Amino acid sequence: MTIFVPKELEQVQYIDPSDLKQWITQESKPLLIDVREEDKHLAYNIGGVNISIYDFMSSINELDPEQPTVIYCQVGQKSFNAAVALIQADFNCVYSLKGGIEAWNKFVTTSL
């Protein structure tokens, strides 16, 4: 089995559902942040904390800038915007789930 190795870059990186699935099974897991509304997070999520995009900016100081972080939302736009905010706040390993939870669902259902 190959191991996913995160990269530190001064820009948002995209992560495919297949790479994320591999990464979250490893010992050094990323912090997962779902920026959707709480009801959507409760209905279906891939783990991590739920910080609504509307509360995200005021919550950045509570997060660890040294921890590799993956942000996800429904289709990927809000998570990308949140990831940009983390990069601007000097976080050094930030990923946005490419295609969001919809891409994750497609990947999970087709890889069974």
N, C-alpha and C. Protein backbone atom coordinates (compact mmCIF):
# COMPACT_ATOMS: atom_id res chain seq x y z
N MET A 1 0.84 -1.19 0.00
CA MET A 1 0.00 0.00 0.00
C MET A 1 0.88 1.25 0.00
N THR A 2 0.55 2.20 -0.85
CA THR A 2 1.31 3.44 -0.86
C THR A 2 0.81 4.35 0.25
N ILE A 3 1.67 5.27 0.63
CA ILE A 3 1.34 6.21 1.70
C ILE A 3 1.18 7.59 1.11
N PHE A 4 0.14 8.30 1.54
CA PHE A 4 -0.05 9.67 1.11
C PHE A 4 0.87 10.56 1.94
N VAL A 5 1.68 11.36 1.28
CA VAL A 5 2.59 12.28 1.97
C VAL A 5 2.15 13.71 1.66
N PRO A 6 1.65 14.42 2.68
CA PRO A 6 1.21 15.80 2.45
C PRO A 6 2.40 16.72 2.17
N LYS A 7 2.14 17.76 1.42
CA LYS A 7 3.18 18.73 1.09
C LYS A 7 2.84 20.07 1.72
N GLU A 8 3.87 20.75 2.20
CA GLU A 8 3.69 22.10 2.71
C GLU A 8 3.93 23.08 1.57
N LEU A 9 2.93 23.84 1.24
CA LEU A 9 3.02 24.85 0.20
C LEU A 9 2.33 26.12 0.68
N GLU A 10 2.72 27.23 0.10
CA GLU A 10 2.09 28.50 0.46
C GLU A 10 0.92 28.80 -0.45
N GLN A 11 0.18 27.76 -0.79
CA GLN A 11 -1.03 27.90 -1.59
C GLN A 11 -1.96 26.73 -1.28
N VAL A 12 -3.22 26.89 -1.63
CA VAL A 12 -4.19 25.82 -1.42
C VAL A 12 -3.88 24.68 -2.38
N GLN A 13 -3.94 23.48 -1.86
CA GLN A 13 -3.76 22.30 -2.68
C GLN A 13 -5.08 21.54 -2.74
N TYR A 14 -5.35 20.92 -3.87
CA TYR A 14 -6.53 20.07 -3.97
C TYR A 14 -6.15 18.64 -3.64
N ILE A 15 -7.08 17.94 -3.01
CA ILE A 15 -6.86 16.52 -2.74
C ILE A 15 -8.05 15.75 -3.31
N ASP A 16 -7.75 14.69 -4.04
CA ASP A 16 -8.79 13.83 -4.60
C ASP A 16 -9.36 12.94 -3.50
N PRO A 17 -10.61 12.52 -3.65
CA PRO A 17 -11.20 11.62 -2.65
C PRO A 17 -10.36 10.36 -2.41
N SER A 18 -9.76 9.80 -3.45
CA SER A 18 -8.97 8.58 -3.26
C SER A 18 -7.75 8.83 -2.38
N ASP A 19 -7.08 9.98 -2.59
CA ASP A 19 -5.92 10.31 -1.75
C ASP A 19 -6.35 10.61 -0.31
N LEU A 20 -7.48 11.29 -0.15
CA LEU A 20 -7.96 11.59 1.19
C LEU A 20 -8.34 10.32 1.93
N LYS A 21 -9.00 9.41 1.25
CA LYS A 21 -9.38 8.15 1.90
C LYS A 21 -8.13 7.42 2.40
N GLN A 22 -7.10 7.43 1.59
CA GLN A 22 -5.84 6.80 1.99
C GLN A 22 -5.22 7.53 3.17
N TRP A 23 -5.19 8.86 3.13
CA TRP A 23 -4.56 9.66 4.17
C TRP A 23 -5.24 9.47 5.52
N ILE A 24 -6.57 9.42 5.54
CA ILE A 24 -7.26 9.32 6.83
C ILE A 24 -7.16 7.93 7.46
N THR A 25 -6.59 6.98 6.73
CA THR A 25 -6.36 5.66 7.32
C THR A 25 -4.95 5.54 7.90
N GLN A 26 -4.13 6.55 7.67
CA GLN A 26 -2.75 6.53 8.15
C GLN A 26 -2.67 7.03 9.59
N GLU A 27 -1.53 6.80 10.20
CA GLU A 27 -1.32 7.23 11.58
C GLU A 27 -1.33 8.76 11.70
N SER A 28 -0.71 9.44 10.77
CA SER A 28 -0.65 10.92 10.81
C SER A 28 -1.78 11.50 9.97
N LYS A 29 -2.97 11.50 10.56
CA LYS A 29 -4.17 11.97 9.88
C LYS A 29 -4.22 13.50 9.85
N PRO A 30 -4.89 14.06 8.84
CA PRO A 30 -5.09 15.52 8.82
C PRO A 30 -6.27 15.91 9.70
N LEU A 31 -6.33 17.17 10.02
CA LEU A 31 -7.52 17.73 10.65
C LEU A 31 -8.54 17.91 9.53
N LEU A 32 -9.72 17.34 9.69
CA LEU A 32 -10.80 17.49 8.72
C LEU A 32 -11.75 18.57 9.22
N ILE A 33 -12.10 19.52 8.34
CA ILE A 33 -13.05 20.57 8.69
C ILE A 33 -14.13 20.61 7.63
N ASP A 34 -15.37 20.42 8.06
CA ASP A 34 -16.54 20.51 7.19
C ASP A 34 -17.11 21.92 7.35
N VAL A 35 -17.13 22.71 6.27
CA VAL A 35 -17.62 24.08 6.37
C VAL A 35 -19.08 24.23 5.94
N ARG A 36 -19.79 23.10 5.81
CA ARG A 36 -21.21 23.15 5.50
C ARG A 36 -22.00 23.48 6.76
N GLU A 37 -23.29 23.72 6.58
CA GLU A 37 -24.17 23.97 7.73
C GLU A 37 -24.29 22.71 8.58
N GLU A 38 -24.59 22.89 9.86
CA GLU A 38 -24.63 21.77 10.80
C GLU A 38 -25.59 20.66 10.38
N ASP A 39 -26.76 21.01 9.85
CA ASP A 39 -27.72 19.97 9.47
C ASP A 39 -27.16 19.08 8.36
N LYS A 40 -26.44 19.66 7.42
CA LYS A 40 -25.84 18.85 6.35
C LYS A 40 -24.70 17.99 6.90
N HIS A 41 -23.94 18.55 7.83
CA HIS A 41 -22.86 17.79 8.46
C HIS A 41 -23.43 16.60 9.23
N LEU A 42 -24.50 16.83 9.97
CA LEU A 42 -25.11 15.75 10.74
C LEU A 42 -25.72 14.69 9.84
N ALA A 43 -26.26 15.09 8.69
CA ALA A 43 -26.87 14.14 7.77
C ALA A 43 -25.83 13.22 7.14
N TYR A 44 -24.66 13.77 6.79
CA TYR A 44 -23.60 12.95 6.20
C TYR A 44 -22.29 13.72 6.24
N ASN A 45 -21.25 13.07 6.74
CA ASN A 45 -19.94 13.70 6.77
C ASN A 45 -18.86 12.63 6.73
N ILE A 46 -17.63 13.06 6.53
CA ILE A 46 -16.51 12.11 6.49
C ILE A 46 -15.63 12.25 7.72
N GLY A 47 -16.17 12.91 8.73
CA GLY A 47 -15.43 13.06 9.98
C GLY A 47 -14.95 14.48 10.17
N GLY A 48 -14.24 14.67 11.27
CA GLY A 48 -13.70 15.99 11.56
C GLY A 48 -14.68 16.89 12.28
N VAL A 49 -14.30 18.14 12.34
CA VAL A 49 -15.12 19.14 13.02
C VAL A 49 -15.99 19.87 12.01
N ASN A 50 -17.07 20.42 12.51
CA ASN A 50 -17.98 21.20 11.67
C ASN A 50 -17.89 22.65 12.09
N ILE A 51 -17.37 23.48 11.19
CA ILE A 51 -17.33 24.93 11.40
C ILE A 51 -17.98 25.55 10.18
N SER A 52 -19.17 26.05 10.32
CA SER A 52 -19.88 26.65 9.19
C SER A 52 -19.01 27.72 8.53
N ILE A 53 -19.11 27.83 7.23
CA ILE A 53 -18.34 28.84 6.50
C ILE A 53 -18.62 30.23 7.07
N TYR A 54 -19.82 30.43 7.61
CA TYR A 54 -20.20 31.73 8.16
C TYR A 54 -19.49 32.02 9.48
N ASP A 55 -19.03 30.99 10.18
CA ASP A 55 -18.31 31.15 11.44
C ASP A 55 -16.81 30.90 11.27
N PHE A 56 -16.41 30.56 10.07
CA PHE A 56 -15.04 30.10 9.86
C PHE A 56 -13.99 31.15 10.19
N MET A 57 -14.16 32.36 9.69
CA MET A 57 -13.14 33.40 9.89
C MET A 57 -12.90 33.67 11.38
N SER A 58 -13.96 33.64 12.17
CA SER A 58 -13.79 33.92 13.60
C SER A 58 -13.24 32.72 14.36
N SER A 59 -13.11 31.58 13.70
CA SER A 59 -12.62 30.37 14.36
C SER A 59 -11.17 30.03 14.00
N ILE A 60 -10.58 30.74 13.06
CA ILE A 60 -9.24 30.40 12.59
C ILE A 60 -8.22 30.38 13.73
N ASN A 61 -8.31 31.33 14.65
CA ASN A 61 -7.33 31.40 15.75
C ASN A 61 -7.38 30.19 16.68
N GLU A 62 -8.46 29.42 16.62
CA GLU A 62 -8.58 28.23 17.47
C GLU A 62 -7.93 27.00 16.83
N LEU A 63 -7.50 27.13 15.58
CA LEU A 63 -6.92 26.00 14.85
C LEU A 63 -5.40 26.05 14.91
N ASP A 64 -4.77 24.90 14.75
CA ASP A 64 -3.31 24.79 14.80
C ASP A 64 -2.72 24.97 13.40
N PRO A 65 -1.95 26.04 13.17
CA PRO A 65 -1.40 26.28 11.83
C PRO A 65 -0.35 25.25 11.41
N GLU A 66 0.14 24.44 12.35
CA GLU A 66 1.13 23.42 12.03
C GLU A 66 0.50 22.08 11.64
N GLN A 67 -0.79 21.93 11.91
CA GLN A 67 -1.48 20.67 11.62
C GLN A 67 -1.94 20.63 10.17
N PRO A 68 -1.57 19.59 9.42
CA PRO A 68 -2.11 19.46 8.07
C PRO A 68 -3.64 19.43 8.14
N THR A 69 -4.27 20.20 7.26
CA THR A 69 -5.71 20.41 7.33
C THR A 69 -6.36 20.17 5.97
N VAL A 70 -7.49 19.46 5.99
CA VAL A 70 -8.30 19.26 4.78
C VAL A 70 -9.68 19.85 5.06
N ILE A 71 -10.10 20.72 4.18
CA ILE A 71 -11.41 21.36 4.32
C ILE A 71 -12.32 20.81 3.24
N TYR A 72 -13.57 20.56 3.62
CA TYR A 72 -14.53 20.09 2.61
C TYR A 72 -15.89 20.75 2.80
N CYS A 73 -16.64 20.76 1.70
CA CYS A 73 -18.01 21.29 1.69
C CYS A 73 -18.82 20.43 0.72
N GLN A 74 -19.88 20.96 0.16
CA GLN A 74 -20.73 20.16 -0.71
C GLN A 74 -20.08 19.88 -2.07
N VAL A 75 -19.59 20.93 -2.74
CA VAL A 75 -19.01 20.74 -4.07
C VAL A 75 -17.58 21.29 -4.21
N GLY A 76 -17.08 21.97 -3.21
CA GLY A 76 -15.68 22.40 -3.24
C GLY A 76 -15.40 23.88 -3.26
N GLN A 77 -16.39 24.72 -3.55
CA GLN A 77 -16.12 26.16 -3.64
C GLN A 77 -15.93 26.80 -2.26
N LYS A 78 -16.83 26.54 -1.33
CA LYS A 78 -16.70 27.13 0.00
C LYS A 78 -15.45 26.61 0.71
N SER A 79 -15.14 25.34 0.51
CA SER A 79 -13.93 24.81 1.16
C SER A 79 -12.68 25.45 0.58
N PHE A 80 -12.67 25.72 -0.72
CA PHE A 80 -11.52 26.40 -1.32
C PHE A 80 -11.37 27.79 -0.71
N ASN A 81 -12.47 28.52 -0.57
CA ASN A 81 -12.41 29.86 0.02
C ASN A 81 -11.90 29.82 1.45
N ALA A 82 -12.35 28.83 2.22
CA ALA A 82 -11.88 28.68 3.60
C ALA A 82 -10.40 28.33 3.62
N ALA A 83 -9.99 27.48 2.69
CA ALA A 83 -8.57 27.09 2.62
C ALA A 83 -7.69 28.29 2.29
N VAL A 84 -8.16 29.15 1.40
CA VAL A 84 -7.41 30.38 1.09
C VAL A 84 -7.23 31.22 2.35
N ALA A 85 -8.27 31.33 3.15
CA ALA A 85 -8.18 32.09 4.40
C ALA A 85 -7.13 31.50 5.33
N LEU A 86 -7.03 30.17 5.39
CA LEU A 86 -6.00 29.55 6.23
C LEU A 86 -4.60 29.84 5.70
N ILE A 87 -4.42 29.77 4.40
CA ILE A 87 -3.12 30.08 3.80
C ILE A 87 -2.74 31.53 4.13
N GLN A 88 -3.69 32.43 4.03
CA GLN A 88 -3.43 33.84 4.35
C GLN A 88 -3.11 34.04 5.82
N ALA A 89 -3.55 33.10 6.67
CA ALA A 89 -3.26 33.16 8.10
C ALA A 89 -2.00 32.35 8.45
N ASP A 90 -1.18 32.06 7.44
CA ASP A 90 0.10 31.36 7.61
C ASP A 90 0.01 29.90 8.01
N PHE A 91 -1.07 29.24 7.64
CA PHE A 91 -1.11 27.79 7.77
C PHE A 91 -0.26 27.23 6.63
N ASN A 92 0.44 26.13 6.88
CA ASN A 92 1.41 25.71 5.88
C ASN A 92 1.12 24.40 5.17
N CYS A 93 0.00 23.74 5.47
CA CYS A 93 -0.34 22.50 4.78
C CYS A 93 -1.86 22.40 4.72
N VAL A 94 -2.43 23.00 3.68
CA VAL A 94 -3.88 23.14 3.58
C VAL A 94 -4.37 22.53 2.27
N TYR A 95 -5.37 21.68 2.39
CA TYR A 95 -5.98 21.03 1.23
C TYR A 95 -7.48 21.31 1.20
N SER A 96 -8.01 21.37 -0.01
CA SER A 96 -9.46 21.45 -0.22
C SER A 96 -9.85 20.18 -0.96
N LEU A 97 -10.89 19.51 -0.48
CA LEU A 97 -11.35 18.27 -1.12
C LEU A 97 -11.93 18.60 -2.49
N LYS A 98 -11.29 18.11 -3.51
CA LYS A 98 -11.69 18.38 -4.89
C LYS A 98 -13.07 17.76 -5.15
N GLY A 99 -14.02 18.63 -5.50
CA GLY A 99 -15.38 18.15 -5.78
C GLY A 99 -16.26 18.02 -4.56
N GLY A 100 -15.70 18.25 -3.38
CA GLY A 100 -16.46 18.23 -2.14
C GLY A 100 -17.05 16.87 -1.79
N ILE A 101 -18.06 16.91 -0.94
CA ILE A 101 -18.69 15.69 -0.43
C ILE A 101 -19.39 14.94 -1.57
N GLU A 102 -19.80 15.66 -2.61
CA GLU A 102 -20.43 14.99 -3.75
C GLU A 102 -19.42 14.08 -4.46
N ALA A 103 -18.20 14.57 -4.67
CA ALA A 103 -17.16 13.74 -5.28
C ALA A 103 -16.80 12.58 -4.36
N TRP A 104 -16.77 12.84 -3.06
CA TRP A 104 -16.47 11.78 -2.08
C TRP A 104 -17.52 10.68 -2.19
N ASN A 105 -18.79 11.06 -2.23
CA ASN A 105 -19.88 10.07 -2.33
C ASN A 105 -19.74 9.24 -3.60
N LYS A 106 -19.45 9.87 -4.71
CA LYS A 106 -19.28 9.14 -5.97
C LYS A 106 -18.11 8.16 -5.87
N PHE A 107 -17.01 8.62 -5.29
CA PHE A 107 -15.83 7.76 -5.14
C PHE A 107 -16.14 6.57 -4.24
N VAL A 108 -16.76 6.83 -3.11
CA VAL A 108 -17.05 5.76 -2.14
C VAL A 108 -18.00 4.74 -2.74
N THR A 109 -19.03 5.20 -3.44
CA THR A 109 -20.00 4.24 -3.99
C THR A 109 -19.45 3.46 -5.18
N THR A 110 -18.50 4.06 -5.92
CA THR A 110 -17.94 3.33 -7.06
C THR A 110 -16.74 2.48 -6.70
N SER A 111 -16.19 2.67 -5.51
CA SER A 111 -15.00 1.88 -5.13
C SER A 111 -15.34 0.72 -4.21
N LEU A 112 -16.60 0.45 -3.99
CA LEU A 112 -17.01 -0.65 -3.13
C LEU A 112 -16.82 -1.98 -3.81
